[in-house]
Amino acid sequence: MSKPEINIEEAELVHIMSRLPEFSGLDGAEIDKIRHEISHGIADVLTKYYIENTRGQKAGWTAKFEQAGISEDDAKSAISCARRLGIEIA
């Protein structure tokens, strides 16, 4: 039986989101931990970021992304990856 592997969307999402202190431990983490954090923590953060940038509800995530070096394009890529993984973002 082969060990589960991370797919391209998960890898890209981890690459972007691990710049945030909240998810810095994901780089090199076990696949089960990565998938759990994607479906729970990262999905929640991306939803809050999306709402902040589309509905003007300030949650502070835009500033946190900027401080971590995550550009608007990076954030859009992360949201796209999450959606391709079947995660509903707002």
N, C-alpha and C. Protein backbone atom coordinates (compact mmCIF):
# COMPACT_ATOMS: atom_id res chain seq x y z
N MET A 1 0.85 -1.19 0.00
CA MET A 1 0.00 0.00 0.00
C MET A 1 0.89 1.25 0.00
N SER A 2 0.61 2.17 -0.90
CA SER A 2 1.45 3.36 -1.01
C SER A 2 0.99 4.45 -0.03
N LYS A 3 1.94 5.25 0.35
CA LYS A 3 1.68 6.36 1.26
C LYS A 3 0.97 7.48 0.50
N PRO A 4 -0.05 8.11 1.09
CA PRO A 4 -0.73 9.20 0.39
C PRO A 4 0.23 10.36 0.14
N GLU A 5 0.05 11.00 -1.00
CA GLU A 5 0.91 12.12 -1.37
C GLU A 5 0.10 13.39 -1.48
N ILE A 6 0.78 14.49 -1.28
CA ILE A 6 0.15 15.80 -1.40
C ILE A 6 -0.03 16.11 -2.89
N ASN A 7 -1.19 16.67 -3.24
CA ASN A 7 -1.41 17.02 -4.65
C ASN A 7 -0.97 18.46 -4.91
N ILE A 8 -1.00 18.85 -6.15
CA ILE A 8 -0.47 20.16 -6.55
C ILE A 8 -1.20 21.33 -5.89
N GLU A 9 -2.53 21.22 -5.77
CA GLU A 9 -3.30 22.30 -5.13
C GLU A 9 -2.94 22.41 -3.65
N GLU A 10 -2.82 21.27 -2.98
CA GLU A 10 -2.46 21.29 -1.56
C GLU A 10 -1.05 21.87 -1.39
N ALA A 11 -0.13 21.46 -2.26
CA ALA A 11 1.24 21.97 -2.18
C ALA A 11 1.30 23.48 -2.37
N GLU A 12 0.58 23.99 -3.35
CA GLU A 12 0.57 25.43 -3.61
C GLU A 12 -0.05 26.19 -2.45
N LEU A 13 -1.13 25.65 -1.91
CA LEU A 13 -1.82 26.28 -0.78
C LEU A 13 -0.89 26.33 0.44
N VAL A 14 -0.19 25.25 0.72
CA VAL A 14 0.75 25.22 1.84
C VAL A 14 1.90 26.18 1.59
N HIS A 15 2.39 26.22 0.36
CA HIS A 15 3.49 27.12 0.02
C HIS A 15 3.13 28.58 0.32
N ILE A 16 1.93 28.97 -0.03
CA ILE A 16 1.48 30.35 0.20
C ILE A 16 1.16 30.59 1.67
N MET A 17 0.32 29.74 2.23
CA MET A 17 -0.21 29.99 3.56
C MET A 17 0.79 29.74 4.69
N SER A 18 1.83 28.97 4.44
CA SER A 18 2.81 28.72 5.50
C SER A 18 3.67 29.95 5.80
N ARG A 19 3.51 31.00 5.01
CA ARG A 19 4.18 32.27 5.32
C ARG A 19 3.56 32.95 6.53
N LEU A 20 2.29 32.63 6.80
CA LEU A 20 1.63 33.17 7.99
C LEU A 20 2.12 32.41 9.22
N PRO A 21 2.37 33.12 10.32
CA PRO A 21 2.81 32.43 11.54
C PRO A 21 1.86 31.32 11.99
N GLU A 22 0.56 31.51 11.75
CA GLU A 22 -0.44 30.53 12.16
C GLU A 22 -0.25 29.18 11.47
N PHE A 23 0.35 29.18 10.30
CA PHE A 23 0.49 27.95 9.51
C PHE A 23 1.95 27.63 9.16
N SER A 24 2.89 28.26 9.84
CA SER A 24 4.31 28.06 9.52
C SER A 24 4.75 26.61 9.74
N GLY A 25 4.09 25.89 10.59
CA GLY A 25 4.45 24.50 10.86
C GLY A 25 4.01 23.52 9.78
N LEU A 26 3.28 23.98 8.79
CA LEU A 26 2.79 23.08 7.75
C LEU A 26 3.85 22.68 6.74
N ASP A 27 4.85 23.51 6.56
CA ASP A 27 5.90 23.19 5.60
C ASP A 27 6.65 21.96 6.10
N GLY A 28 6.50 20.86 5.40
CA GLY A 28 7.14 19.61 5.77
C GLY A 28 6.33 18.75 6.73
N ALA A 29 5.11 19.15 7.02
CA ALA A 29 4.26 18.39 7.95
C ALA A 29 3.71 17.13 7.27
N GLU A 30 3.20 16.22 8.07
CA GLU A 30 2.55 15.00 7.57
C GLU A 30 1.31 15.37 6.78
N ILE A 31 0.99 14.58 5.78
CA ILE A 31 -0.14 14.85 4.89
C ILE A 31 -1.46 14.96 5.65
N ASP A 32 -1.67 14.13 6.67
CA ASP A 32 -2.91 14.20 7.44
C ASP A 32 -3.06 15.54 8.14
N LYS A 33 -1.96 16.05 8.71
CA LYS A 33 -1.99 17.35 9.38
C LYS A 33 -2.26 18.45 8.36
N ILE A 34 -1.60 18.36 7.20
CA ILE A 34 -1.79 19.36 6.15
C ILE A 34 -3.26 19.40 5.73
N ARG A 35 -3.83 18.25 5.44
CA ARG A 35 -5.22 18.20 4.99
C ARG A 35 -6.19 18.68 6.06
N HIS A 36 -5.90 18.38 7.31
CA HIS A 36 -6.75 18.86 8.41
C HIS A 36 -6.70 20.38 8.49
N GLU A 37 -5.51 20.94 8.43
CA GLU A 37 -5.36 22.39 8.52
C GLU A 37 -5.96 23.09 7.31
N ILE A 38 -5.84 22.49 6.13
CA ILE A 38 -6.45 23.08 4.94
C ILE A 38 -7.96 23.15 5.10
N SER A 39 -8.56 22.05 5.52
CA SER A 39 -10.02 22.01 5.59
C SER A 39 -10.60 22.76 6.78
N HIS A 40 -9.79 23.03 7.78
CA HIS A 40 -10.30 23.73 8.95
C HIS A 40 -9.70 25.12 9.08
N GLY A 41 -8.43 25.21 9.42
CA GLY A 41 -7.79 26.51 9.67
C GLY A 41 -7.66 27.39 8.44
N ILE A 42 -7.06 26.86 7.39
CA ILE A 42 -6.82 27.66 6.19
C ILE A 42 -8.12 28.05 5.53
N ALA A 43 -9.07 27.14 5.45
CA ALA A 43 -10.37 27.47 4.86
C ALA A 43 -11.03 28.62 5.60
N ASP A 44 -10.96 28.61 6.91
CA ASP A 44 -11.55 29.67 7.72
C ASP A 44 -10.85 31.01 7.46
N VAL A 45 -9.53 31.01 7.44
CA VAL A 45 -8.77 32.24 7.21
C VAL A 45 -9.04 32.78 5.82
N LEU A 46 -9.04 31.92 4.82
CA LEU A 46 -9.30 32.40 3.45
C LEU A 46 -10.71 32.96 3.31
N THR A 47 -11.66 32.35 3.99
CA THR A 47 -13.04 32.87 3.96
C THR A 47 -13.08 34.26 4.58
N LYS A 48 -12.43 34.44 5.72
CA LYS A 48 -12.40 35.76 6.38
C LYS A 48 -11.69 36.78 5.50
N TYR A 49 -10.59 36.38 4.88
CA TYR A 49 -9.87 37.27 3.97
C TYR A 49 -10.77 37.67 2.79
N TYR A 50 -11.44 36.70 2.21
CA TYR A 50 -12.32 36.95 1.06
C TYR A 50 -13.44 37.92 1.45
N ILE A 51 -14.09 37.67 2.57
CA ILE A 51 -15.17 38.54 3.04
C ILE A 51 -14.65 39.95 3.29
N GLU A 52 -13.48 40.04 3.90
CA GLU A 52 -12.88 41.34 4.18
C GLU A 52 -12.66 42.13 2.89
N ASN A 53 -12.24 41.45 1.85
CA ASN A 53 -11.92 42.13 0.59
C ASN A 53 -13.09 42.28 -0.36
N THR A 54 -14.20 41.62 -0.11
CA THR A 54 -15.35 41.76 -1.00
C THR A 54 -16.52 42.47 -0.34
N ARG A 55 -16.60 42.40 0.96
CA ARG A 55 -17.73 43.02 1.67
C ARG A 55 -17.32 44.11 2.63
N GLY A 56 -16.02 44.35 2.73
CA GLY A 56 -15.53 45.44 3.57
C GLY A 56 -15.60 45.20 5.06
N GLN A 57 -15.83 43.96 5.48
CA GLN A 57 -15.86 43.64 6.91
C GLN A 57 -14.42 43.44 7.37
N LYS A 58 -13.94 44.35 8.18
CA LYS A 58 -12.54 44.31 8.59
C LYS A 58 -12.30 43.22 9.64
N ALA A 59 -11.43 42.29 9.28
CA ALA A 59 -11.06 41.22 10.19
C ALA A 59 -9.55 41.23 10.44
N GLY A 60 -8.82 42.05 9.70
CA GLY A 60 -7.39 42.18 9.89
C GLY A 60 -6.54 41.22 9.07
N TRP A 61 -7.17 40.36 8.28
CA TRP A 61 -6.40 39.37 7.54
C TRP A 61 -5.63 39.97 6.37
N THR A 62 -6.14 41.01 5.75
CA THR A 62 -5.42 41.64 4.65
C THR A 62 -4.08 42.16 5.15
N ALA A 63 -4.09 42.82 6.29
CA ALA A 63 -2.85 43.34 6.87
C ALA A 63 -1.91 42.20 7.26
N LYS A 64 -2.44 41.13 7.82
CA LYS A 64 -1.61 39.98 8.19
C LYS A 64 -0.97 39.34 6.95
N PHE A 65 -1.74 39.24 5.88
CA PHE A 65 -1.21 38.69 4.64
C PHE A 65 -0.06 39.57 4.13
N GLU A 66 -0.28 40.88 4.12
CA GLU A 66 0.74 41.81 3.65
C GLU A 66 2.01 41.70 4.50
N GLN A 67 1.85 41.63 5.81
CA GLN A 67 3.00 41.53 6.72
C GLN A 67 3.78 40.24 6.48
N ALA A 68 3.09 39.19 6.07
CA ALA A 68 3.72 37.89 5.83
C ALA A 68 4.29 37.79 4.40
N GLY A 69 4.11 38.83 3.61
CA GLY A 69 4.62 38.81 2.25
C GLY A 69 3.71 38.08 1.27
N ILE A 70 2.44 37.96 1.63
CA ILE A 70 1.47 37.32 0.74
C ILE A 70 0.75 38.42 -0.03
N SER A 71 1.01 38.48 -1.33
CA SER A 71 0.41 39.51 -2.17
C SER A 71 -1.05 39.19 -2.44
N GLU A 72 -1.74 40.15 -3.03
CA GLU A 72 -3.13 39.93 -3.42
C GLU A 72 -3.23 38.80 -4.44
N ASP A 73 -2.28 38.74 -5.36
CA ASP A 73 -2.26 37.65 -6.34
C ASP A 73 -2.03 36.30 -5.67
N ASP A 74 -1.13 36.26 -4.67
CA ASP A 74 -0.91 35.02 -3.92
C ASP A 74 -2.20 34.58 -3.22
N ALA A 75 -2.89 35.55 -2.62
CA ALA A 75 -4.13 35.23 -1.91
C ALA A 75 -5.19 34.71 -2.88
N LYS A 76 -5.27 35.32 -4.05
CA LYS A 76 -6.21 34.84 -5.06
C LYS A 76 -5.86 33.42 -5.50
N SER A 77 -4.58 33.14 -5.64
CA SER A 77 -4.15 31.78 -6.00
C SER A 77 -4.52 30.79 -4.91
N ALA A 78 -4.33 31.19 -3.65
CA ALA A 78 -4.67 30.32 -2.53
C ALA A 78 -6.17 30.03 -2.52
N ILE A 79 -6.98 31.04 -2.76
CA ILE A 79 -8.43 30.86 -2.80
C ILE A 79 -8.80 29.93 -3.95
N SER A 80 -8.18 30.10 -5.09
CA SER A 80 -8.45 29.23 -6.24
C SER A 80 -8.07 27.79 -5.94
N CYS A 81 -6.92 27.59 -5.31
CA CYS A 81 -6.50 26.22 -4.94
C CYS A 81 -7.51 25.60 -3.98
N ALA A 82 -7.93 26.37 -2.99
CA ALA A 82 -8.90 25.85 -2.02
C ALA A 82 -10.21 25.47 -2.72
N ARG A 83 -10.65 26.30 -3.61
CA ARG A 83 -11.89 25.99 -4.35
C ARG A 83 -11.73 24.73 -5.20
N ARG A 84 -10.58 24.56 -5.84
CA ARG A 84 -10.34 23.34 -6.62
C ARG A 84 -10.32 22.10 -5.73
N LEU A 85 -9.99 22.30 -4.46
CA LEU A 85 -10.01 21.19 -3.50
C LEU A 85 -11.41 20.94 -2.95
N GLY A 86 -12.38 21.71 -3.39
CA GLY A 86 -13.76 21.52 -2.97
C GLY A 86 -14.14 22.31 -1.74
N ILE A 87 -13.31 23.26 -1.34
CA ILE A 87 -13.60 24.09 -0.16
C ILE A 87 -14.37 25.31 -0.62
N GLU A 88 -15.51 25.54 0.00
CA GLU A 88 -16.31 26.70 -0.36
C GLU A 88 -15.78 27.93 0.38
N ILE A 89 -15.37 28.91 -0.38
CA ILE A 89 -14.90 30.18 0.18
C ILE A 89 -15.97 31.21 -0.08
N ALA A 90 -16.64 31.60 1.00
CA ALA A 90 -17.76 32.55 0.99
C ALA A 90 -18.53 32.40 -0.28
